[in-house]
Amino acid sequence: MADLEKARTRLNLKRKEPEAISDLSSQSRDAVTLDQQSVGRLSRMDAMQQQAMSKATEQKRQLELVRIEAAERRLRDEDYGYCEDCGEQIPDGRLEIDPMAEHCVNCAR
């Protein structure tokens, strides 16, 4: 049986990182200014590429937060630690590595 207090602690720690990074990186996702006089063409292209990478990274962080919220919901509903597909208990070792795991190893394949 999964240690629910440890799971809550792990999920809280997992939540803090993407939230903090998201706040810090918000400027890199802002619209790129296309002022021809202050920035050359290659610099603008580089800035646009950086912006696109920042947006993609932010999407991954948001997905991580969705997974964390789903795990917290399973904790509240007392479904945490059980495979969504087969209903078997997810091993504690797997939950330590990924506290948001929804599937046992066999169903995750």
PDB file of N, CA and C in Angstrom:
ATOM      1  N   MET A   1       0.837  -1.193   0.000  1.00  0.00           N
ATOM      2  CA  MET A   1       0.000   0.000   0.000  1.00  0.00           C
ATOM      3  C   MET A   1       0.876   1.247   0.000  1.00  0.00           C
ATOM      4  N   ALA A   2       0.551   2.176  -0.821  1.00  0.00           N
ATOM      5  CA  ALA A   2       1.329   3.409  -0.945  1.00  0.00           C
ATOM      6  C   ALA A   2       1.210   4.235   0.329  1.00  0.00           C
ATOM      7  N   ASP A   3       2.316   4.837   0.748  1.00  0.00           N
ATOM      8  CA  ASP A   3       2.331   5.746   1.890  1.00  0.00           C
ATOM      9  C   ASP A   3       1.773   7.077   1.400  1.00  0.00           C
ATOM     10  N   LEU A   4       0.552   7.387   1.796  1.00  0.00           N
ATOM     11  CA  LEU A   4      -0.148   8.542   1.252  1.00  0.00           C
ATOM     12  C   LEU A   4       0.471   9.867   1.681  1.00  0.00           C
ATOM     13  N   GLU A   5       1.002   9.945   2.891  1.00  0.00           N
ATOM     14  CA  GLU A   5       1.649  11.180   3.336  1.00  0.00           C
ATOM     15  C   GLU A   5       2.919  11.445   2.534  1.00  0.00           C
ATOM     16  N   LYS A   6       3.696  10.387   2.291  1.00  0.00           N
ATOM     17  CA  LYS A   6       4.892  10.551   1.457  1.00  0.00           C
ATOM     18  C   LYS A   6       4.488  10.967   0.052  1.00  0.00           C
ATOM     19  N   ALA A   7       3.415  10.400  -0.455  1.00  0.00           N
ATOM     20  CA  ALA A   7       2.935  10.748  -1.795  1.00  0.00           C
ATOM     21  C   ALA A   7       2.551  12.223  -1.852  1.00  0.00           C
ATOM     22  N   ARG A   8       1.830  12.709  -0.837  1.00  0.00           N
ATOM     23  CA  ARG A   8       1.448  14.129  -0.800  1.00  0.00           C
ATOM     24  C   ARG A   8       2.687  15.019  -0.790  1.00  0.00           C
ATOM     25  N   THR A   9       3.674  14.637   0.016  1.00  0.00           N
ATOM     26  CA  THR A   9       4.912  15.408   0.098  1.00  0.00           C
ATOM     27  C   THR A   9       5.620  15.431  -1.252  1.00  0.00           C
ATOM     28  N   ARG A  10       5.747  14.267  -1.890  1.00  0.00           N
ATOM     29  CA  ARG A  10       6.397  14.195  -3.203  1.00  0.00           C
ATOM     30  C   ARG A  10       5.664  15.047  -4.237  1.00  0.00           C
ATOM     31  N   LEU A  11       4.339  14.995  -4.225  1.00  0.00           N
ATOM     32  CA  LEU A  11       3.550  15.761  -5.184  1.00  0.00           C
ATOM     33  C   LEU A  11       3.699  17.262  -4.942  1.00  0.00           C
ATOM     34  N   ASN A  12       3.734  17.666  -3.682  1.00  0.00           N
ATOM     35  CA  ASN A  12       3.936  19.085  -3.373  1.00  0.00           C
ATOM     36  C   ASN A  12       5.290  19.565  -3.877  1.00  0.00           C
ATOM     37  N   LEU A  13       6.314  18.749  -3.692  1.00  0.00           N
ATOM     38  CA  LEU A  13       7.646  19.110  -4.183  1.00  0.00           C
ATOM     39  C   LEU A  13       7.662  19.161  -5.705  1.00  0.00           C
ATOM     40  N   LYS A  14       7.006  18.196  -6.338  1.00  0.00           N
ATOM     41  CA  LYS A  14       6.942  18.166  -7.802  1.00  0.00           C
ATOM     42  C   LYS A  14       6.229  19.407  -8.341  1.00  0.00           C
ATOM     43  N   ARG A  15       5.227  19.899  -7.627  1.00  0.00           N
ATOM     44  CA  ARG A  15       4.441  21.050  -8.072  1.00  0.00           C
ATOM     45  C   ARG A  15       5.250  22.348  -8.003  1.00  0.00           C
ATOM     46  N   LYS A  16       6.075  22.492  -6.991  1.00  0.00           N
ATOM     47  CA  LYS A  16       6.801  23.746  -6.779  1.00  0.00           C
ATOM     48  C   LYS A  16       7.764  24.067  -7.917  1.00  0.00           C
ATOM     49  N   GLU A  17       8.444  23.072  -8.439  1.00  0.00           N
ATOM     50  CA  GLU A  17       9.448  23.315  -9.473  1.00  0.00           C
ATOM     51  C   GLU A  17       8.864  23.893 -10.758  1.00  0.00           C
ATOM     52  N   PRO A  18       7.872  23.242 -11.379  1.00  0.00           N
ATOM     53  CA  PRO A  18       7.353  23.822 -12.629  1.00  0.00           C
ATOM     54  C   PRO A  18       6.681  25.179 -12.421  1.00  0.00           C
ATOM     55  N   GLU A  19       6.043  25.377 -11.267  1.00  0.00           N
ATOM     56  CA  GLU A  19       5.412  26.672 -11.016  1.00  0.00           C
ATOM     57  C   GLU A  19       6.460  27.774 -10.931  1.00  0.00           C
ATOM     58  N   ALA A  20       7.558  27.523 -10.215  1.00  0.00           N
ATOM     59  CA  ALA A  20       8.614  28.523 -10.061  1.00  0.00           C
ATOM     60  C   ALA A  20       9.286  28.824 -11.394  1.00  0.00           C
ATOM     61  N   ILE A  21       9.603  27.783 -12.146  1.00  0.00           N
ATOM     62  CA  ILE A  21      10.270  27.971 -13.435  1.00  0.00           C
ATOM     63  C   ILE A  21       9.344  28.694 -14.408  1.00  0.00           C
ATOM     64  N   SER A  22       8.076  28.380 -14.373  1.00  0.00           N
ATOM     65  CA  SER A  22       7.109  29.028 -15.259  1.00  0.00           C
ATOM     66  C   SER A  22       7.061  30.527 -14.991  1.00  0.00           C
ATOM     67  N   ASP A  23       7.059  30.894 -13.730  1.00  0.00           N
ATOM     68  CA  ASP A  23       7.052  32.314 -13.380  1.00  0.00           C
ATOM     69  C   ASP A  23       8.318  33.007 -13.877  1.00  0.00           C
ATOM     70  N   LEU A  24       9.460  32.359 -13.702  1.00  0.00           N
ATOM     71  CA  LEU A  24      10.737  32.956 -14.091  1.00  0.00           C
ATOM     72  C   LEU A  24      10.881  33.101 -15.606  1.00  0.00           C
ATOM     73  N   SER A  25      10.319  32.168 -16.344  1.00  0.00           N
ATOM     74  CA  SER A  25      10.532  32.157 -17.793  1.00  0.00           C
ATOM     75  C   SER A  25       9.424  32.846 -18.582  1.00  0.00           C
ATOM     76  N   SER A  26       8.516  33.510 -17.916  1.00  0.00           N
ATOM     77  CA  SER A  26       7.384  34.108 -18.630  1.00  0.00           C
ATOM     78  C   SER A  26       7.826  35.151 -19.657  1.00  0.00           C
ATOM     79  N   GLN A  27       8.886  35.904 -19.379  1.00  0.00           N
ATOM     80  CA  GLN A  27       9.346  36.916 -20.330  1.00  0.00           C
ATOM     81  C   GLN A  27       9.874  36.298 -21.624  1.00  0.00           C
ATOM     82  N   SER A  28      10.464  35.126 -21.540  1.00  0.00           N
ATOM     83  CA  SER A  28      11.019  34.518 -22.752  1.00  0.00           C
ATOM     84  C   SER A  28       9.928  34.022 -23.698  1.00  0.00           C
ATOM     85  N   ARG A  29       8.677  33.977 -23.224  1.00  0.00           N
ATOM     86  CA  ARG A  29       7.569  33.563 -24.076  1.00  0.00           C
ATOM     87  C   ARG A  29       6.813  34.759 -24.658  1.00  0.00           C
ATOM     88  N   ASP A  30       7.196  35.970 -24.257  1.00  0.00           N
ATOM     89  CA  ASP A  30       6.550  37.176 -24.768  1.00  0.00           C
ATOM     90  C   ASP A  30       6.788  37.306 -26.269  1.00  0.00           C
ATOM     91  N   ALA A  31       5.949  38.086 -26.907  1.00  0.00           N
ATOM     92  CA  ALA A  31       6.078  38.313 -28.347  1.00  0.00           C
ATOM     93  C   ALA A  31       7.436  38.937 -28.673  1.00  0.00           C
ATOM     94  N   VAL A  32       8.006  38.494 -29.770  1.00  0.00           N
ATOM     95  CA  VAL A  32       9.294  39.010 -30.223  1.00  0.00           C
ATOM     96  C   VAL A  32       9.061  40.311 -30.977  1.00  0.00           C
ATOM     97  N   THR A  33       9.779  41.355 -30.584  1.00  0.00           N
ATOM     98  CA  THR A  33       9.685  42.643 -31.257  1.00  0.00           C
ATOM     99  C   THR A  33      10.482  42.590 -32.551  1.00  0.00           C
ATOM    100  N   LEU A  34       9.858  42.972 -33.624  1.00  0.00           N
ATOM    101  CA  LEU A  34      10.509  42.915 -34.933  1.00  0.00           C
ATOM    102  C   LEU A  34      10.960  44.311 -35.379  1.00  0.00           C
ATOM    103  N   ASP A  35      11.721  44.952 -34.543  1.00  0.00           N
ATOM    104  CA  ASP A  35      12.251  46.280 -34.841  1.00  0.00           C
ATOM    105  C   ASP A  35      13.528  46.116 -35.657  1.00  0.00           C
ATOM    106  N   GLN A  36      13.432  46.379 -36.956  1.00  0.00           N
ATOM    107  CA  GLN A  36      14.545  46.153 -37.887  1.00  0.00           C
ATOM    108  C   GLN A  36      15.797  46.959 -37.520  1.00  0.00           C
ATOM    109  N   GLN A  37      15.621  48.147 -36.959  1.00  0.00           N
ATOM    110  CA  GLN A  37      16.778  48.969 -36.666  1.00  0.00           C
ATOM    111  C   GLN A  37      17.556  48.510 -35.438  1.00  0.00           C
ATOM    112  N   SER A  38      16.877  47.901 -34.472  1.00  0.00           N
ATOM    113  CA  SER A  38      17.593  47.521 -33.258  1.00  0.00           C
ATOM    114  C   SER A  38      18.099  46.077 -33.297  1.00  0.00           C
ATOM    115  N   VAL A  39      17.514  45.263 -34.148  1.00  0.00           N
ATOM    116  CA  VAL A  39      17.896  43.850 -34.183  1.00  0.00           C
ATOM    117  C   VAL A  39      18.016  43.406 -35.638  1.00  0.00           C
ATOM    118  N   GLY A  40      19.092  42.744 -35.967  1.00  0.00           N
ATOM    119  CA  GLY A  40      19.269  42.226 -37.321  1.00  0.00           C
ATOM    120  C   GLY A  40      18.371  41.038 -37.574  1.00  0.00           C
ATOM    121  N   ARG A  41      18.294  40.636 -38.840  1.00  0.00           N
ATOM    122  CA  ARG A  41      17.408  39.546 -39.245  1.00  0.00           C
ATOM    123  C   ARG A  41      17.744  38.240 -38.524  1.00  0.00           C
ATOM    124  N   LEU A  42      19.022  37.885 -38.453  1.00  0.00           N
ATOM    125  CA  LEU A  42      19.409  36.639 -37.792  1.00  0.00           C
ATOM    126  C   LEU A  42      19.108  36.685 -36.299  1.00  0.00           C
ATOM    127  N   SER A  43      19.299  37.832 -35.684  1.00  0.00           N
ATOM    128  CA  SER A  43      18.989  37.971 -34.260  1.00  0.00           C
ATOM    129  C   SER A  43      17.500  37.804 -34.006  1.00  0.00           C
ATOM    130  N   ARG A  44      16.670  38.358 -34.909  1.00  0.00           N
ATOM    131  CA  ARG A  44      15.216  38.193 -34.773  1.00  0.00           C
ATOM    132  C   ARG A  44      14.832  36.732 -34.916  1.00  0.00           C
ATOM    133  N   MET A  45      15.424  36.049 -35.892  1.00  0.00           N
ATOM    134  CA  MET A  45      15.126  34.633 -36.102  1.00  0.00           C
ATOM    135  C   MET A  45      15.530  33.830 -34.877  1.00  0.00           C
ATOM    136  N   ASP A  46      16.681  34.141 -34.318  1.00  0.00           N
ATOM    137  CA  ASP A  46      17.146  33.465 -33.114  1.00  0.00           C
ATOM    138  C   ASP A  46      16.193  33.729 -31.956  1.00  0.00           C
ATOM    139  N   ALA A  47      15.745  34.973 -31.816  1.00  0.00           N
ATOM    140  CA  ALA A  47      14.806  35.320 -30.742  1.00  0.00           C
ATOM    141  C   ALA A  47      13.484  34.582 -30.921  1.00  0.00           C
ATOM    142  N   MET A  48      13.030  34.456 -32.152  1.00  0.00           N
ATOM    143  CA  MET A  48      11.778  33.741 -32.417  1.00  0.00           C
ATOM    144  C   MET A  48      11.923  32.251 -32.117  1.00  0.00           C
ATOM    145  N   GLN A  49      13.085  31.702 -32.438  1.00  0.00           N
ATOM    146  CA  GLN A  49      13.328  30.298 -32.129  1.00  0.00           C
ATOM    147  C   GLN A  49      13.363  30.081 -30.614  1.00  0.00           C
ATOM    148  N   GLN A  50      14.010  30.975 -29.903  1.00  0.00           N
ATOM    149  CA  GLN A  50      14.060  30.891 -28.437  1.00  0.00           C
ATOM    150  C   GLN A  50      12.656  30.979 -27.850  1.00  0.00           C
ATOM    151  N   GLN A  51      11.852  31.872 -28.414  1.00  0.00           N
ATOM    152  CA  GLN A  51      10.477  32.020 -27.949  1.00  0.00           C
ATOM    153  C   GLN A  51       9.701  30.718 -28.166  1.00  0.00           C
ATOM    154  N   ALA A  52       9.857  30.109 -29.334  1.00  0.00           N
ATOM    155  CA  ALA A  52       9.149  28.860 -29.633  1.00  0.00           C
ATOM    156  C   ALA A  52       9.584  27.744 -28.679  1.00  0.00           C
ATOM    157  N   MET A  53      10.882  27.686 -28.397  1.00  0.00           N
ATOM    158  CA  MET A  53      11.367  26.662 -27.457  1.00  0.00           C
ATOM    159  C   MET A  53      10.830  26.923 -26.055  1.00  0.00           C
ATOM    160  N   SER A  54      10.754  28.177 -25.651  1.00  0.00           N
ATOM    161  CA  SER A  54      10.221  28.517 -24.331  1.00  0.00           C
ATOM    162  C   SER A  54       8.748  28.137 -24.223  1.00  0.00           C
ATOM    163  N   LYS A  55       8.003  28.371 -25.305  1.00  0.00           N
ATOM    164  CA  LYS A  55       6.583  28.010 -25.298  1.00  0.00           C
ATOM    165  C   LYS A  55       6.405  26.497 -25.214  1.00  0.00           C
ATOM    166  N   ALA A  56       7.222  25.744 -25.942  1.00  0.00           N
ATOM    167  CA  ALA A  56       7.133  24.281 -25.902  1.00  0.00           C
ATOM    168  C   ALA A  56       7.481  23.762 -24.509  1.00  0.00           C
ATOM    169  N   THR A  57       8.494  24.351 -23.898  1.00  0.00           N
ATOM    170  CA  THR A  57       8.888  23.946 -22.551  1.00  0.00           C
ATOM    171  C   THR A  57       7.774  24.266 -21.557  1.00  0.00           C
ATOM    172  N   GLU A  58       7.134  25.408 -21.733  1.00  0.00           N
ATOM    173  CA  GLU A  58       6.029  25.788 -20.853  1.00  0.00           C
ATOM    174  C   GLU A  58       4.869  24.807 -21.004  1.00  0.00           C
ATOM    175  N   GLN A  59       4.603  24.352 -22.210  1.00  0.00           N
ATOM    176  CA  GLN A  59       3.540  23.365 -22.414  1.00  0.00           C
ATOM    177  C   GLN A  59       3.847  22.078 -21.654  1.00  0.00           C
ATOM    178  N   LYS A  60       5.118  21.670 -21.663  1.00  0.00           N
ATOM    179  CA  LYS A  60       5.510  20.472 -20.918  1.00  0.00           C
ATOM    180  C   LYS A  60       5.304  20.681 -19.416  1.00  0.00           C
ATOM    181  N   ARG A  61       5.643  21.878 -18.933  1.00  0.00           N
ATOM    182  CA  ARG A  61       5.454  22.179 -17.508  1.00  0.00           C
ATOM    183  C   ARG A  61       3.977  22.145 -17.156  1.00  0.00           C
ATOM    184  N   GLN A  62       3.136  22.686 -18.033  1.00  0.00           N
ATOM    185  CA  GLN A  62       1.696  22.687 -17.778  1.00  0.00           C
ATOM    186  C   GLN A  62       1.141  21.262 -17.765  1.00  0.00           C
ATOM    187  N   LEU A  63       1.639  20.415 -18.661  1.00  0.00           N
ATOM    188  CA  LEU A  63       1.226  19.014 -18.671  1.00  0.00           C
ATOM    189  C   LEU A  63       1.640  18.327 -17.368  1.00  0.00           C
ATOM    190  N   GLU A  64       2.830  18.648 -16.889  1.00  0.00           N
ATOM    191  CA  GLU A  64       3.305  18.092 -15.610  1.00  0.00           C
ATOM    192  C   GLU A  64       2.364  18.515 -14.474  1.00  0.00           C
ATOM    193  N   LEU A  65       1.929  19.767 -14.484  1.00  0.00           N
ATOM    194  CA  LEU A  65       1.002  20.239 -13.453  1.00  0.00           C
ATOM    195  C   LEU A  65      -0.348  19.528 -13.550  1.00  0.00           C
ATOM    196  N   VAL A  66      -0.799  19.247 -14.755  1.00  0.00           N
ATOM    197  CA  VAL A  66      -2.054  18.509 -14.942  1.00  0.00           C
ATOM    198  C   VAL A  66      -1.910  17.102 -14.360  1.00  0.00           C
ATOM    199  N   ARG A  67      -0.771  16.462 -14.612  1.00  0.00           N
ATOM    200  CA  ARG A  67      -0.524  15.117 -14.062  1.00  0.00           C
ATOM    201  C   ARG A  67      -0.488  15.160 -12.534  1.00  0.00           C
ATOM    202  N   ILE A  68       0.102  16.213 -11.973  1.00  0.00           N
ATOM    203  CA  ILE A  68       0.163  16.355 -10.515  1.00  0.00           C
ATOM    204  C   ILE A  68      -1.240  16.525  -9.952  1.00  0.00           C
ATOM    205  N   GLU A  69      -2.047  17.372 -10.590  1.00  0.00           N
ATOM    206  CA  GLU A  69      -3.423  17.578 -10.135  1.00  0.00           C
ATOM    207  C   GLU A  69      -4.235  16.282 -10.201  1.00  0.00           C
ATOM    208  N   ALA A  70      -4.019  15.495 -11.249  1.00  0.00           N
ATOM    209  CA  ALA A  70      -4.724  14.216 -11.377  1.00  0.00           C
ATOM    210  C   ALA A  70      -4.311  13.269 -10.247  1.00  0.00           C
ATOM    211  N   ALA A  71      -3.025  13.250  -9.912  1.00  0.00           N
ATOM    212  CA  ALA A  71      -2.553  12.398  -8.813  1.00  0.00           C
ATOM    213  C   ALA A  71      -3.132  12.870  -7.482  1.00  0.00           C
ATOM    214  N   GLU A  72      -3.202  14.177  -7.282  1.00  0.00           N
ATOM    215  CA  GLU A  72      -3.794  14.708  -6.047  1.00  0.00           C
ATOM    216  C   GLU A  72      -5.277  14.356  -5.961  1.00  0.00           C
ATOM    217  N   ARG A  73      -5.957  14.372  -7.104  1.00  0.00           N
ATOM    218  CA  ARG A  73      -7.368  13.980  -7.140  1.00  0.00           C
ATOM    219  C   ARG A  73      -7.520  12.496  -6.768  1.00  0.00           C
ATOM    220  N   ARG A  74      -6.602  11.645  -7.285  1.00  0.00           N
ATOM    221  CA  ARG A  74      -6.647  10.222  -6.933  1.00  0.00           C
ATOM    222  C   ARG A  74      -6.395  10.032  -5.441  1.00  0.00           C
ATOM    223  N   LEU A  75      -5.534  10.851  -4.859  1.00  0.00           N
ATOM    224  CA  LEU A  75      -5.299  10.794  -3.410  1.00  0.00           C
ATOM    225  C   LEU A  75      -6.583  11.103  -2.658  1.00  0.00           C
ATOM    226  N   ARG A  76      -7.262  12.185  -3.062  1.00  0.00           N
ATOM    227  CA  ARG A  76      -8.521  12.573  -2.393  1.00  0.00           C
ATOM    228  C   ARG A  76      -9.586  11.496  -2.548  1.00  0.00           C
ATOM    229  N   ASP A  77      -9.635  10.876  -3.727  1.00  0.00           N
ATOM    230  CA  ASP A  77     -10.652   9.861  -4.016  1.00  0.00           C
ATOM    231  C   ASP A  77     -10.264   8.468  -3.521  1.00  0.00           C
ATOM    232  N   GLU A  78      -9.093   8.387  -2.880  1.00  0.00           N
ATOM    233  CA  GLU A  78      -8.564   7.120  -2.352  1.00  0.00           C
ATOM    234  C   GLU A  78      -8.310   6.095  -3.450  1.00  0.00           C
ATOM    235  N   ASP A  79      -7.976   6.578  -4.649  1.00  0.00           N
ATOM    236  CA  ASP A  79      -7.625   5.699  -5.766  1.00  0.00           C
ATOM    237  C   ASP A  79      -6.130   5.731  -6.052  1.00  0.00           C
ATOM    238  N   TYR A  80      -5.393   6.519  -5.285  1.00  0.00           N
ATOM    239  CA  TYR A  80      -3.960   6.690  -5.536  1.00  0.00           C
ATOM    240  C   TYR A  80      -3.224   5.368  -5.308  1.00  0.00           C
ATOM    241  N   GLY A  81      -2.307   5.075  -6.214  1.00  0.00           N
ATOM    242  CA  GLY A  81      -1.483   3.881  -6.070  1.00  0.00           C
ATOM    243  C   GLY A  81      -2.051   2.648  -6.755  1.00  0.00           C
ATOM    244  N   TYR A  82      -3.163   2.832  -7.451  1.00  0.00           N
ATOM    245  CA  TYR A  82      -3.773   1.715  -8.172  1.00  0.00           C
ATOM    246  C   TYR A  82      -3.792   2.031  -9.662  1.00  0.00           C
ATOM    247  N   CYS A  83      -3.514   1.021 -10.459  1.00  0.00           N
ATOM    248  CA  CYS A  83      -3.455   1.169 -11.913  1.00  0.00           C
ATOM    249  C   CYS A  83      -4.824   1.561 -12.467  1.00  0.00           C
ATOM    250  N   GLU A  84      -4.828   2.558 -13.341  1.00  0.00           N
ATOM    251  CA  GLU A  84      -6.069   3.021 -13.970  1.00  0.00           C
ATOM    252  C   GLU A  84      -6.684   1.968 -14.889  1.00  0.00           C
ATOM    253  N   ASP A  85      -5.859   1.073 -15.442  1.00  0.00           N
ATOM    254  CA  ASP A  85      -6.364   0.076 -16.390  1.00  0.00           C
ATOM    255  C   ASP A  85      -6.787  -1.225 -15.714  1.00  0.00           C
ATOM    256  N   CYS A  86      -5.865  -1.825 -14.966  1.00  0.00           N
ATOM    257  CA  CYS A  86      -6.144  -3.153 -14.419  1.00  0.00           C
ATOM    258  C   CYS A  86      -6.567  -3.134 -12.953  1.00  0.00           C
ATOM    259  N   GLY A  87      -6.366  -2.017 -12.256  1.00  0.00           N
ATOM    260  CA  GLY A  87      -6.771  -1.909 -10.860  1.00  0.00           C
ATOM    261  C   GLY A  87      -5.776  -2.483  -9.870  1.00  0.00           C
ATOM    262  N   GLU A  88      -4.692  -3.056 -10.372  1.00  0.00           N
ATOM    263  CA  GLU A  88      -3.671  -3.611  -9.481  1.00  0.00           C
ATOM    264  C   GLU A  88      -2.902  -2.483  -8.793  1.00  0.00           C
ATOM    265  N   GLN A  89      -2.325  -2.805  -7.650  1.00  0.00           N
ATOM    266  CA  GLN A  89      -1.536  -1.823  -6.911  1.00  0.00           C
ATOM    267  C   GLN A  89      -0.242  -1.515  -7.658  1.00  0.00           C
ATOM    268  N   ILE A  90       0.088  -0.235  -7.755  1.00  0.00           N
ATOM    269  CA  ILE A  90       1.339   0.200  -8.371  1.00  0.00           C
ATOM    270  C   ILE A  90       2.424   0.078  -7.312  1.00  0.00           C
ATOM    271  N   PRO A  91       3.546  -0.572  -7.615  1.00  0.00           N
ATOM    272  CA  PRO A  91       4.601  -0.742  -6.619  1.00  0.00           C
ATOM    273  C   PRO A  91       5.115   0.599  -6.078  1.00  0.00           C
ATOM    274  N   ASP A  92       5.440   0.621  -4.780  1.00  0.00           N
ATOM    275  CA  ASP A  92       5.937   1.837  -4.134  1.00  0.00           C
ATOM    276  C   ASP A  92       7.168   2.392  -4.847  1.00  0.00           C
ATOM    277  N   GLY A  93       8.054   1.514  -5.320  1.00  0.00           N
ATOM    278  CA  GLY A  93       9.249   1.970  -6.015  1.00  0.00           C
ATOM    279  C   GLY A  93       8.913   2.786  -7.248  1.00  0.00           C
ATOM    280  N   ARG A  94       7.900   2.364  -7.976  1.00  0.00           N
ATOM    281  CA  ARG A  94       7.469   3.113  -9.171  1.00  0.00           C
ATOM    282  C   ARG A  94       6.901   4.471  -8.769  1.00  0.00           C
ATOM    283  N   LEU A  95       6.129   4.500  -7.686  1.00  0.00           N
ATOM    284  CA  LEU A  95       5.542   5.762  -7.231  1.00  0.00           C
ATOM    285  C   LEU A  95       6.597   6.700  -6.654  1.00  0.00           C
ATOM    286  N   GLU A  96       7.672   6.150  -6.112  1.00  0.00           N
ATOM    287  CA  GLU A  96       8.762   6.998  -5.631  1.00  0.00           C
ATOM    288  C   GLU A  96       9.444   7.700  -6.796  1.00  0.00           C
ATOM    289  N   ILE A  97       9.629   6.965  -7.879  1.00  0.00           N
ATOM    290  CA  ILE A  97      10.266   7.539  -9.074  1.00  0.00           C
ATOM    291  C   ILE A  97       9.324   8.522  -9.762  1.00  0.00           C
ATOM    292  N   ASP A  98       8.063   8.132  -9.917  1.00  0.00           N
ATOM    293  CA  ASP A  98       7.071   8.983 -10.574  1.00  0.00           C
ATOM    294  C   ASP A  98       5.797   8.978  -9.735  1.00  0.00           C
ATOM    295  N   PRO A  99       5.673   9.933  -8.799  1.00  0.00           N
ATOM    296  CA  PRO A  99       4.487   9.938  -7.933  1.00  0.00           C
ATOM    297  C   PRO A  99       3.178  10.200  -8.675  1.00  0.00           C
ATOM    298  N   MET A 100       3.273  10.571  -9.947  1.00  0.00           N
ATOM    299  CA  MET A 100       2.068  10.801 -10.738  1.00  0.00           C
ATOM    300  C   MET A 100       1.686   9.581 -11.574  1.00  0.00           C
ATOM    301  N   ALA A 101       2.399   8.478 -11.419  1.00  0.00           N
ATOM    302  CA  ALA A 101       2.144   7.286 -12.234  1.00  0.00           C
ATOM    303  C   ALA A 101       0.695   6.848 -12.103  1.00  0.00           C
ATOM    304  N   GLU A 102       0.078   6.598 -13.260  1.00  0.00           N
ATOM    305  CA  GLU A 102      -1.316   6.163 -13.309  1.00  0.00           C
ATOM    306  C   GLU A 102      -1.463   4.680 -13.620  1.00  0.00           C
ATOM    307  N   HIS A 103      -0.374   4.074 -14.093  1.00  0.00           N
ATOM    308  CA  HIS A 103      -0.433   2.685 -14.553  1.00  0.00           C
ATOM    309  C   HIS A 103       0.691   1.863 -13.924  1.00  0.00           C
ATOM    310  N   CYS A 104       0.423   0.594 -13.743  1.00  0.00           N
ATOM    311  CA  CYS A 104       1.455  -0.333 -13.318  1.00  0.00           C
ATOM    312  C   CYS A 104       2.421  -0.536 -14.506  1.00  0.00           C
ATOM    313  N   VAL A 105       3.519  -1.184 -14.258  1.00  0.00           N
ATOM    314  CA  VAL A 105       4.529  -1.371 -15.313  1.00  0.00           C
ATOM    315  C   VAL A 105       3.938  -2.152 -16.484  1.00  0.00           C
ATOM    316  N   ASN A 106       3.179  -3.176 -16.221  1.00  0.00           N
ATOM    317  CA  ASN A 106       2.614  -4.001 -17.307  1.00  0.00           C
ATOM    318  C   ASN A 106       1.661  -3.211 -18.194  1.00  0.00           C
ATOM    319  N   CYS A 107       0.820  -2.380 -17.609  1.00  0.00           N
ATOM    320  CA  CYS A 107      -0.149  -1.611 -18.405  1.00  0.00           C
ATOM    321  C   CYS A 107       0.473  -0.394 -19.057  1.00  0.00           C
ATOM    322  N   ALA A 108       1.596   0.068 -18.546  1.00  0.00           N
ATOM    323  CA  ALA A 108       2.255   1.254 -19.105  1.00  0.00           C
ATOM    324  C   ALA A 108       2.986   0.931 -20.410  1.00  0.00           C
ATOM    325  N   ARG A 109       3.154  -0.311 -20.727  1.00  0.00           N
ATOM    326  CA  ARG A 109       3.887  -0.708 -21.938  1.00  0.00           C
ATOM    327  C   ARG A 109       3.126  -0.413 -23.177  1.00  0.00           C
TER     328      ARG A 109
END
